Amino acid sequence: MYSEDVEARRGIAQLALKGFFSLANRWQLSRPEAMTLLGLTATSTYANWKNGKTGTIPRDTLERISYLFHIDDRLRQRWTSEQEACTWLRREQNQLGGHSPLSHMLAGNVIDIYRIQQNMSQLLRDSGQAISLPTKSVSNQSPLRTIHSL
């Protein structure tokens, strides 16, 4: 039973990281930005993960990725252009004390990413971007279900 659990966790890690690196490309993240969002300090671990050399990943990293997927889902529902979404992520928002959503997430804590994920509708509405979300949303799904829906 234990070996099956380890294999399942490795599979989840591979899917999560594949999705994250796709997101990082769409968001035009630099390596330091991507590492911060993942909660990493070791560039060797980042390089291994980016090159598909993964075992399991820490639970907090999976949690971070799940929140980022939810944010990305909202952005992709709002904009068809990746550039527009990327611009919004980097635009200063009054509700964030003049910081951008991305810079807020780059404070480095899981809670910072979570807060942006929880406030996406409000942030989009207050920034003058009307938002009407379709009924299909991953924001209420488990992380595993979210990964499989991408």
Protein backbone atom coordinates (compact mmCIF):
# COMPACT_ATOMS: atom_id res chain seq x y z
CA MET A 1 0.00 0.00 0.00
CA TYR A 2 2.79 2.45 0.87
CA SER A 3 4.54 2.04 -2.51
CA GLU A 4 1.26 2.76 -4.31
CA ASP A 5 0.88 5.96 -2.28
CA VAL A 6 4.41 7.08 -3.18
CA GLU A 7 3.77 6.37 -6.87
CA ALA A 8 0.51 8.31 -6.77
CA ARG A 9 2.26 11.26 -5.10
CA ARG A 10 4.99 11.19 -7.75
CA GLY A 11 2.35 11.26 -10.47
CA ILE A 12 0.60 14.20 -8.84
CA ALA A 13 3.94 16.00 -8.49
CA GLN A 14 4.74 15.52 -12.17
CA LEU A 15 1.31 16.77 -13.28
CA ALA A 16 1.39 19.72 -10.90
CA LEU A 17 4.85 20.83 -11.97
CA LYS A 18 4.06 20.40 -15.67
CA GLY A 19 1.03 22.65 -15.17
CA PHE A 20 3.04 25.13 -13.11
CA PHE A 21 5.76 25.52 -15.73
CA SER A 22 3.10 26.06 -18.39
CA LEU A 23 1.56 28.74 -16.15
CA ALA A 24 5.00 30.29 -15.53
CA ASN A 25 5.50 30.55 -19.28
CA ARG A 26 2.08 32.20 -19.81
CA TRP A 27 2.71 34.63 -16.94
CA GLN A 28 6.21 35.36 -18.27
CA LEU A 29 7.77 34.63 -14.88
CA SER A 30 11.48 34.97 -14.35
CA ARG A 31 13.28 32.09 -12.66
CA PRO A 32 13.45 33.95 -9.29
CA GLU A 33 9.73 34.75 -9.50
CA ALA A 34 8.83 31.14 -10.31
CA MET A 35 11.07 29.85 -7.52
CA THR A 36 9.47 32.22 -5.01
CA LEU A 37 5.97 31.16 -6.00
CA LEU A 38 7.00 27.52 -5.56
CA GLY A 39 8.62 28.31 -2.21
CA LEU A 40 12.07 27.22 -3.40
CA THR A 41 15.48 28.57 -2.54
CA ALA A 42 17.66 25.96 -4.27
CA THR A 43 18.19 26.62 -7.97
CA SER A 44 19.27 22.99 -8.44
CA THR A 45 15.87 21.75 -7.23
CA TYR A 46 14.15 24.21 -9.55
CA ALA A 47 16.27 23.05 -12.51
CA ASN A 48 15.54 19.40 -11.72
CA TRP A 49 11.83 20.03 -11.45
CA LYS A 50 11.78 22.05 -14.66
CA ASN A 51 13.62 19.23 -16.46
CA GLY A 52 11.09 16.67 -15.25
CA LYS A 53 13.29 15.13 -12.55
CA THR A 54 10.81 14.93 -9.72
CA GLY A 55 10.04 12.59 -6.93
CA THR A 56 7.41 13.89 -4.61
CA ILE A 57 7.00 17.54 -3.77
CA PRO A 58 6.28 19.12 -0.39
CA ARG A 59 2.64 19.57 0.53
CA ASP A 60 2.98 23.35 0.78
CA THR A 61 4.36 23.44 -2.77
CA LEU A 62 1.34 21.49 -4.01
CA GLU A 63 -0.91 23.89 -2.11
CA ARG A 64 0.85 26.88 -3.71
CA ILE A 65 0.45 25.37 -7.17
CA SER A 66 -3.23 24.67 -6.54
CA TYR A 67 -3.89 28.31 -5.61
CA LEU A 68 -1.91 29.49 -8.65
CA PHE A 69 -3.99 27.20 -10.89
CA HIS A 70 -7.15 28.78 -9.51
CA ILE A 71 -5.80 32.27 -10.19
CA ASP A 72 -4.76 31.24 -13.69
CA ASP A 73 -8.21 29.75 -14.29
CA ARG A 74 -9.83 33.08 -13.43
CA LEU A 75 -7.42 35.02 -15.63
CA ARG A 76 -7.99 32.68 -18.57
CA GLN A 77 -11.75 33.03 -18.15
CA ARG A 78 -11.45 36.82 -18.18
CA TRP A 79 -8.92 37.32 -20.97
CA THR A 80 -8.24 35.41 -24.14
CA SER A 81 -4.90 37.15 -24.53
CA GLU A 82 -2.10 35.91 -22.31
CA GLN A 83 -0.49 39.34 -22.60
CA GLU A 84 -3.57 41.07 -21.14
CA ALA A 85 -3.63 38.65 -18.22
CA CYS A 86 0.10 39.11 -17.66
CA THR A 87 -0.28 42.90 -17.75
CA TRP A 88 -3.10 42.77 -15.19
CA LEU A 89 -1.03 40.54 -12.88
CA ARG A 90 1.76 43.13 -12.90
CA ARG A 91 -0.45 46.24 -12.69
CA GLU A 92 -0.59 48.09 -9.36
CA GLN A 93 -3.93 47.77 -7.60
CA ASN A 94 -5.28 50.25 -5.04
CA GLN A 95 -6.85 47.39 -3.05
CA LEU A 96 -3.37 45.93 -2.58
CA GLY A 97 -1.81 49.13 -1.29
CA GLY A 98 -0.43 50.05 -4.69
CA HIS A 99 1.15 46.64 -5.25
CA SER A 100 0.39 44.32 -8.13
CA PRO A 101 -1.24 40.92 -7.55
CA LEU A 102 2.01 39.27 -8.63
CA SER A 103 4.19 41.35 -6.32
CA HIS A 104 1.80 40.55 -3.47
CA MET A 105 2.16 36.81 -4.20
CA LEU A 106 5.94 37.22 -4.39
CA ALA A 107 6.05 38.14 -0.70
CA GLY A 108 6.85 34.44 -0.50
CA ASN A 109 4.24 33.02 1.85
CA VAL A 110 1.49 30.57 0.96
CA ILE A 111 -1.04 32.93 2.56
CA ASP A 112 -0.10 35.71 0.12
CA ILE A 113 -0.98 33.52 -2.86
CA TYR A 114 -4.12 32.32 -1.08
CA ARG A 115 -5.30 35.90 -0.46
CA ILE A 116 -4.99 36.80 -4.14
CA GLN A 117 -6.80 33.60 -5.12
CA GLN A 118 -9.61 34.33 -2.65
CA ASN A 119 -9.98 37.95 -3.82
CA MET A 120 -9.71 37.51 -7.60
CA SER A 121 -13.30 38.47 -8.40
CA GLN A 122 -13.11 41.57 -6.21
CA LEU A 123 -9.72 42.59 -7.59
CA LEU A 124 -10.90 42.22 -11.17
CA ARG A 125 -14.13 44.09 -10.48
CA ASP A 126 -12.40 46.94 -8.60
CA SER A 127 -9.70 47.36 -11.23
CA GLY A 128 -12.38 48.31 -13.74
CA GLN A 129 -12.38 44.96 -15.48
CA ALA A 130 -15.91 43.63 -15.53
CA ILE A 131 -15.89 39.92 -14.90
CA SER A 132 -18.51 37.35 -15.49
CA LEU A 133 -17.29 33.89 -14.77
CA PRO A 134 -18.69 30.88 -16.54
CA THR A 135 -20.12 28.13 -14.40
CA LYS A 136 -17.10 25.88 -15.04
CA SER A 137 -14.53 26.87 -12.46
CA VAL A 138 -11.89 24.88 -10.64
CA SER A 139 -11.82 27.20 -7.63
CA ASN A 140 -13.89 24.83 -5.48
CA GLN A 141 -12.20 21.63 -6.56
CA SER A 142 -9.58 19.64 -4.75
CA PRO A 143 -5.97 20.18 -5.93
CA LEU A 144 -5.90 16.73 -7.55
CA ARG A 145 -9.14 17.39 -9.42
CA THR A 146 -7.84 20.79 -10.51
CA ILE A 147 -4.67 19.26 -11.91
CA HIS A 148 -6.63 16.69 -13.91
CA SER A 149 -8.95 19.35 -15.32
CA LEU A 150 -6.09 21.31 -16.92
